[in-house]
Amino acid sequence: SCKVFFAKDPLKIVRAQGQYMFDEKGEKYLDCINNVAHVGHSHPYVIKAATKQMELLNTNSRFLHDNLVQYAQRLTATLPEKLSVCYVVNSGSEANDLALRLAREYRGHQDVITLE
């Protein structure tokens, strides 16, 4: 059920910088898919922060760690009281799945409307 975006002429992306991705021939493509709207690919601040964290601990959110709690507290402190709960998930797909399950539980409906 999963399709390759460019099945007839697949892209082989080998690197990315800012909002662009580059194939093995050096051709540049504007990345409108991979969540780069905030800081882009290869942002020095993000690389530095990620490297610092990976030197300490490289895992996902299934284990307890004070940083998860501290981040959630800092984040929810900026939001209204109604938004005082923070869920830490692994990906956008996981976040969408959780949002659907929460909405279905809260409303008691199973229907979903999506745009293609």
C-alpha atoms as a PDB file:
ATOM      1  CA  SER A   1       0.000   0.000   0.000  1.00  0.00           C
ATOM      2  CA  CYS A   2       3.038   2.290   0.031  1.00  0.00           C
ATOM      3  CA  LYS A   3       4.012   3.930  -3.259  1.00  0.00           C
ATOM      4  CA  VAL A   4       7.356   5.378  -4.255  1.00  0.00           C
ATOM      5  CA  PHE A   5       6.811   9.037  -5.179  1.00  0.00           C
ATOM      6  CA  PHE A   6       8.785   8.796  -8.441  1.00  0.00           C
ATOM      7  CA  ALA A   7       8.337   5.153  -9.466  1.00  0.00           C
ATOM      8  CA  LYS A   8       9.233   5.634 -13.179  1.00  0.00           C
ATOM      9  CA  ASP A   9      12.299   7.783 -12.556  1.00  0.00           C
ATOM     10  CA  PRO A  10      13.204   7.561  -8.852  1.00  0.00           C
ATOM     11  CA  LEU A  11      15.297  10.275  -7.233  1.00  0.00           C
ATOM     12  CA  LYS A  12      18.467   9.272  -5.461  1.00  0.00           C
ATOM     13  CA  ILE A  13      18.944  12.068  -2.925  1.00  0.00           C
ATOM     14  CA  VAL A  14      22.465  12.091  -1.462  1.00  0.00           C
ATOM     15  CA  ARG A  15      22.602  15.320   0.578  1.00  0.00           C
ATOM     16  CA  ALA A  16      20.619  18.382   1.644  1.00  0.00           C
ATOM     17  CA  GLN A  17      21.307  21.961   2.714  1.00  0.00           C
ATOM     18  CA  GLY A  18      18.765  24.542   3.855  1.00  0.00           C
ATOM     19  CA  GLN A  19      15.541  24.048   1.926  1.00  0.00           C
ATOM     20  CA  TYR A  20      17.158  22.061  -0.889  1.00  0.00           C
ATOM     21  CA  MET A  21      17.986  18.416  -1.535  1.00  0.00           C
ATOM     22  CA  PHE A  22      20.545  17.264  -4.111  1.00  0.00           C
ATOM     23  CA  ASP A  23      20.664  14.095  -6.174  1.00  0.00           C
ATOM     24  CA  GLU A  24      23.754  12.086  -7.129  1.00  0.00           C
ATOM     25  CA  LYS A  25      24.212  14.287 -10.228  1.00  0.00           C
ATOM     26  CA  GLY A  26      24.173  17.510  -8.189  1.00  0.00           C
ATOM     27  CA  GLU A  27      20.684  18.507  -9.372  1.00  0.00           C
ATOM     28  CA  LYS A  28      18.952  20.747  -6.816  1.00  0.00           C
ATOM     29  CA  TYR A  29      15.343  20.144  -5.643  1.00  0.00           C
ATOM     30  CA  LEU A  30      13.208  22.332  -3.382  1.00  0.00           C
ATOM     31  CA  ASP A  31      12.173  20.144  -0.419  1.00  0.00           C
ATOM     32  CA  CYS A  32       8.451  20.573   0.231  1.00  0.00           C
ATOM     33  CA  ILE A  33       8.028  17.251   2.077  1.00  0.00           C
ATOM     34  CA  ASN A  34      10.566  16.639   4.846  1.00  0.00           C
ATOM     35  CA  ASN A  35       9.602  19.069   7.632  1.00  0.00           C
ATOM     36  CA  VAL A  36      12.290  21.612   6.783  1.00  0.00           C
ATOM     37  CA  ALA A  37      10.058  24.675   7.089  1.00  0.00           C
ATOM     38  CA  HIS A  38      11.457  25.631  10.502  1.00  0.00           C
ATOM     39  CA  VAL A  39      15.236  25.528  10.120  1.00  0.00           C
ATOM     40  CA  GLY A  40      16.063  23.588   6.961  1.00  0.00           C
ATOM     41  CA  HIS A  41      18.503  20.748   6.421  1.00  0.00           C
ATOM     42  CA  SER A  42      21.965  20.798   8.001  1.00  0.00           C
ATOM     43  CA  HIS A  43      21.335  23.825  10.208  1.00  0.00           C
ATOM     44  CA  PRO A  44      24.494  24.375  12.328  1.00  0.00           C
ATOM     45  CA  TYR A  45      22.579  25.050  15.570  1.00  0.00           C
ATOM     46  CA  VAL A  46      20.507  21.876  15.186  1.00  0.00           C
ATOM     47  CA  ILE A  47      23.591  19.815  14.315  1.00  0.00           C
ATOM     48  CA  LYS A  48      25.429  21.169  17.376  1.00  0.00           C
ATOM     49  CA  ALA A  49      22.468  20.488  19.701  1.00  0.00           C
ATOM     50  CA  ALA A  50      21.892  17.002  18.267  1.00  0.00           C
ATOM     51  CA  THR A  51      25.587  16.119  18.521  1.00  0.00           C
ATOM     52  CA  LYS A  52      25.713  17.313  22.134  1.00  0.00           C
ATOM     53  CA  GLN A  53      22.679  15.172  23.000  1.00  0.00           C
ATOM     54  CA  MET A  54      23.965  12.096  21.147  1.00  0.00           C
ATOM     55  CA  GLU A  55      27.266  12.345  23.022  1.00  0.00           C
ATOM     56  CA  LEU A  56      25.237  12.002  26.231  1.00  0.00           C
ATOM     57  CA  LEU A  57      22.413   9.666  25.230  1.00  0.00           C
ATOM     58  CA  ASN A  58      21.018   8.549  21.891  1.00  0.00           C
ATOM     59  CA  THR A  59      17.624   6.893  22.292  1.00  0.00           C
ATOM     60  CA  ASN A  60      13.971   7.544  21.657  1.00  0.00           C
ATOM     61  CA  SER A  61      11.218   8.615  24.043  1.00  0.00           C
ATOM     62  CA  ARG A  62      10.274   5.156  25.321  1.00  0.00           C
ATOM     63  CA  PHE A  63      12.563   5.555  28.349  1.00  0.00           C
ATOM     64  CA  LEU A  64      12.169   8.038  31.176  1.00  0.00           C
ATOM     65  CA  HIS A  65      14.556  10.975  31.124  1.00  0.00           C
ATOM     66  CA  ASP A  66      14.474  14.348  32.895  1.00  0.00           C
ATOM     67  CA  ASN A  67      14.950  16.221  29.603  1.00  0.00           C
ATOM     68  CA  LEU A  68      11.561  15.022  28.360  1.00  0.00           C
ATOM     69  CA  VAL A  69       9.843  16.347  31.480  1.00  0.00           C
ATOM     70  CA  GLN A  70      11.789  19.615  31.444  1.00  0.00           C
ATOM     71  CA  TYR A  71      10.975  20.193  27.787  1.00  0.00           C
ATOM     72  CA  ALA A  72       7.281  19.467  28.358  1.00  0.00           C
ATOM     73  CA  GLN A  73       7.210  21.871  31.313  1.00  0.00           C
ATOM     74  CA  ARG A  74       8.924  24.642  29.320  1.00  0.00           C
ATOM     75  CA  LEU A  75       6.611  24.096  26.356  1.00  0.00           C
ATOM     76  CA  THR A  76       3.338  23.952  28.286  1.00  0.00           C
ATOM     77  CA  ALA A  77       4.340  27.020  30.329  1.00  0.00           C
ATOM     78  CA  THR A  78       3.974  29.035  27.106  1.00  0.00           C
ATOM     79  CA  LEU A  79       0.462  27.738  26.410  1.00  0.00           C
ATOM     80  CA  PRO A  80      -3.026  28.315  27.879  1.00  0.00           C
ATOM     81  CA  GLU A  81      -4.081  26.080  30.800  1.00  0.00           C
ATOM     82  CA  LYS A  82      -6.310  24.025  28.458  1.00  0.00           C
ATOM     83  CA  LEU A  83      -3.147  22.918  26.643  1.00  0.00           C
ATOM     84  CA  SER A  84      -1.264  21.781  29.719  1.00  0.00           C
ATOM     85  CA  VAL A  85      -0.699  18.175  28.645  1.00  0.00           C
ATOM     86  CA  CYS A  86       2.247  17.240  26.432  1.00  0.00           C
ATOM     87  CA  TYR A  87       2.620  13.977  24.528  1.00  0.00           C
ATOM     88  CA  VAL A  88       6.115  13.104  23.304  1.00  0.00           C
ATOM     89  CA  VAL A  89       6.002  10.994  20.151  1.00  0.00           C
ATOM     90  CA  ASN A  90       8.563   9.729  17.655  1.00  0.00           C
ATOM     91  CA  SER A  91       7.288  11.104  14.338  1.00  0.00           C
ATOM     92  CA  GLY A  92       4.629  13.093  12.545  1.00  0.00           C
ATOM     93  CA  SER A  93       2.869   9.857  11.622  1.00  0.00           C
ATOM     94  CA  GLU A  94       2.822   8.790  15.260  1.00  0.00           C
ATOM     95  CA  ALA A  95       1.526  12.236  16.257  1.00  0.00           C
ATOM     96  CA  ASN A  96      -1.274  12.025  13.673  1.00  0.00           C
ATOM     97  CA  ASP A  97      -2.197   8.542  14.845  1.00  0.00           C
ATOM     98  CA  LEU A  98      -2.360   9.699  18.477  1.00  0.00           C
ATOM     99  CA  ALA A  99      -4.394  12.782  17.549  1.00  0.00           C
ATOM    100  CA  LEU A 100      -6.937  10.622  15.714  1.00  0.00           C
ATOM    101  CA  ARG A 101      -7.195   8.162  18.593  1.00  0.00           C
ATOM    102  CA  LEU A 102      -7.656  10.988  21.130  1.00  0.00           C
ATOM    103  CA  ALA A 103     -10.274  12.708  18.960  1.00  0.00           C
ATOM    104  CA  ARG A 104     -12.177   9.450  18.442  1.00  0.00           C
ATOM    105  CA  GLU A 105     -12.137   8.721  22.171  1.00  0.00           C
ATOM    106  CA  TYR A 106     -13.237  12.238  23.091  1.00  0.00           C
ATOM    107  CA  ARG A 107     -16.005  12.569  20.480  1.00  0.00           C
ATOM    108  CA  GLY A 108     -17.084   8.931  20.312  1.00  0.00           C
ATOM    109  CA  HIS A 109     -17.056   8.991  16.497  1.00  0.00           C
ATOM    110  CA  GLN A 110     -14.958   6.929  14.094  1.00  0.00           C
ATOM    111  CA  ASP A 111     -15.393   9.075  10.956  1.00  0.00           C
ATOM    112  CA  VAL A 112     -12.474  11.060   9.537  1.00  0.00           C
ATOM    113  CA  ILE A 113     -12.350  13.525   6.649  1.00  0.00           C
ATOM    114  CA  THR A 114      -9.039  13.894   4.816  1.00  0.00           C
ATOM    115  CA  LEU A 115      -7.827  15.833   1.805  1.00  0.00           C
ATOM    116  CA  GLU A 116      -5.826  14.154  -0.937  1.00  0.00           C
END
